[in-house]
């Protein structure tokens, strides 16, 4: 049986799929979740966080890209500079209006390369983190 080359369409499809998971949250999200009382949530007035969307158990989670991560609960995109997707700062974003569909975030090239093809690893890593977190809360 001859092999089928997926070519540029496959590359474009994968790129669109990954980019549809890398977004900003809207101002309405931050208005509905002010600091305080949501002090653990990452918020900056003039520089929104880029987040990676993951769906687990029927909920959409936004996991922020961060620098200077000082723990192992993350998917590292740049270990030397401690940059990556920080599982410990994830938030639930089940309302579609919380996800900005207009503005396309831009990742640094090295971080994009580290993430490309590893979307499943991010999802599995976050699932593992949530299981550990739930276990710790129950204890």
Protein backbone atom coordinates (compact mmCIF):
# COMPACT_ATOMS: atom_id res chain seq x y z
CA UNK A 1 0.00 0.00 0.00
CA UNK A 2 1.50 3.40 -0.94
CA UNK A 3 2.19 5.89 1.80
CA UNK A 4 0.18 9.10 1.79
CA UNK A 5 2.02 12.36 2.26
CA UNK A 6 -0.02 14.83 4.26
CA UNK A 7 2.27 17.68 3.26
CA UNK A 8 1.50 21.32 3.98
CA UNK A 9 -2.19 20.71 4.80
CA UNK A 10 -1.23 18.52 7.75
CA UNK A 11 1.32 21.09 8.94
CA UNK A 12 -1.24 23.91 8.59
CA UNK A 13 -3.92 21.88 10.42
CA UNK A 14 -1.57 21.13 13.33
CA UNK A 15 -0.45 24.75 13.52
CA UNK A 16 -4.05 26.04 13.54
CA UNK A 17 -5.00 23.49 16.22
CA UNK A 18 -2.13 24.54 18.45
CA UNK A 19 -2.77 28.24 17.92
CA UNK A 20 -6.45 27.79 18.77
CA UNK A 21 -5.25 26.64 22.20
CA UNK A 22 -2.94 29.61 22.78
CA UNK A 23 -5.02 32.66 23.65
CA UNK A 24 -5.49 35.65 25.91
CA UNK A 25 -8.31 35.93 28.43
CA UNK A 26 -10.72 38.85 28.02
CA UNK A 27 -11.14 41.85 30.29
CA UNK A 28 -14.53 40.46 31.34
CA UNK A 29 -12.76 37.46 32.85
CA UNK A 30 -10.56 39.72 34.98
CA UNK A 31 -13.52 41.93 35.97
CA UNK A 32 -15.40 38.84 37.17
CA UNK A 33 -12.31 37.56 39.05
CA UNK A 34 -10.70 40.59 40.76
CA UNK A 35 -7.64 40.56 42.98
CA UNK A 36 -8.56 40.27 45.86
CA UNK A 37 -10.09 37.78 46.53
CA UNK A 38 -8.48 35.91 43.62
CA UNK A 39 -4.95 36.78 44.71
CA UNK A 40 -3.29 33.64 43.32
CA UNK A 41 -4.47 34.37 39.79
CA UNK A 42 -1.92 35.94 37.46
CA UNK A 43 -3.05 39.45 36.55
CA UNK A 44 -1.23 42.38 35.00
CA UNK A 45 -3.06 45.52 33.90
CA UNK A 46 -1.17 46.41 30.74
CA UNK A 47 0.29 43.03 29.81
CA UNK A 48 -2.16 40.12 29.71
CA UNK A 49 -0.88 36.61 30.21
CA UNK A 50 -0.82 34.21 27.30
CA UNK A 51 -2.63 31.02 28.29
CA UNK A 52 -2.81 27.49 26.93
CA UNK A 53 -6.33 25.99 26.90
CA UNK A 54 -6.94 22.41 28.00
CA UNK A 55 -10.23 20.58 28.41
CA UNK A 56 -10.46 18.14 31.30
CA UNK A 57 -13.58 16.48 32.69
CA UNK A 58 -15.88 18.84 30.79
CA UNK A 59 -14.15 22.04 31.96
CA UNK A 60 -11.92 24.38 29.99
CA UNK A 61 -8.78 25.39 31.87
CA UNK A 62 -6.49 28.30 31.03
CA UNK A 63 -2.89 27.60 32.04
CA UNK A 64 -0.62 30.67 31.87
CA UNK A 65 2.76 30.94 30.21
CA UNK A 66 5.17 32.34 32.80
CA UNK A 67 8.80 33.17 33.42
CA UNK A 68 10.83 32.45 36.56
CA UNK A 69 8.93 29.27 37.50
CA UNK A 70 10.52 27.94 40.68
CA UNK A 71 8.80 24.57 41.01
CA UNK A 72 8.34 21.44 38.92
CA UNK A 73 4.58 21.73 38.28
CA UNK A 74 4.97 23.06 34.75
CA UNK A 75 5.69 22.19 31.16
CA UNK A 76 9.01 23.94 30.55
CA UNK A 77 9.49 25.61 27.19
CA UNK A 78 12.83 27.18 28.21
CA UNK A 79 14.45 25.46 31.20
CA UNK A 80 17.48 27.74 31.29
CA UNK A 81 15.27 30.81 31.85
CA UNK A 82 12.63 28.85 33.82
CA UNK A 83 9.87 29.69 31.31
CA UNK A 84 6.88 27.53 30.55
CA UNK A 85 3.26 26.68 31.16
CA UNK A 86 2.63 26.88 34.92
CA UNK A 87 0.06 24.31 36.05
CA UNK A 88 -0.17 25.82 39.54
CA UNK A 89 -1.72 29.05 38.20
CA UNK A 90 -4.43 27.45 36.02
CA UNK A 91 -8.00 28.75 36.15
CA UNK A 92 -11.33 27.44 34.86
CA UNK A 93 -12.74 29.44 31.93
CA UNK A 94 -16.02 27.71 31.10
CA UNK A 95 -17.65 30.84 29.63
CA UNK A 96 -16.78 31.43 25.94
CA UNK A 97 -16.76 35.21 26.43
CA UNK A 98 -13.73 34.81 28.71
CA UNK A 99 -11.57 33.66 25.77
CA UNK A 100 -10.30 36.39 23.44
CA UNK A 101 -10.86 35.17 19.88
CA UNK A 102 -9.76 38.48 18.29
CA UNK A 103 -6.15 38.98 19.40
CA UNK A 104 -3.59 36.33 18.44
CA UNK A 105 -0.81 35.93 21.03
CA UNK A 106 2.79 35.68 19.89
CA UNK A 107 5.18 33.21 21.53
CA UNK A 108 8.94 33.48 21.44
CA UNK A 109 10.25 31.19 18.72
CA UNK A 110 12.15 28.91 21.12
CA UNK A 111 9.04 28.44 23.26
CA UNK A 112 6.89 27.74 20.22
CA UNK A 113 9.40 25.12 19.05
CA UNK A 114 9.45 23.48 22.49
CA UNK A 115 5.65 23.32 22.57
CA UNK A 116 5.06 22.24 18.97
CA UNK A 117 4.04 18.59 18.93
CA UNK A 118 3.86 18.45 22.74
CA UNK A 119 0.30 19.66 23.26
CA UNK A 120 -0.72 16.18 24.43
CA UNK A 121 2.16 16.17 26.95
CA UNK A 122 0.91 19.49 28.36
CA UNK A 123 -2.60 18.06 28.74
CA UNK A 124 -1.35 14.85 30.40
CA UNK A 125 0.99 16.79 32.68
CA UNK A 126 -1.85 19.03 33.79
CA UNK A 127 -4.15 16.05 34.37
CA UNK A 128 -1.44 14.51 36.58
CA UNK A 129 -1.06 17.81 38.46
CA UNK A 130 -4.82 18.08 39.10
CA UNK A 131 -4.90 14.52 40.47
CA UNK A 132 -2.01 15.31 42.84
CA UNK A 133 -3.70 18.55 43.88
CA UNK A 134 -7.03 16.84 44.60
CA UNK A 135 -5.27 14.15 46.63
CA UNK A 136 -3.41 16.79 48.67
CA UNK A 137 -6.62 18.72 49.37
CA UNK A 138 -8.37 15.55 50.59
CA UNK A 139 -5.51 14.71 52.98
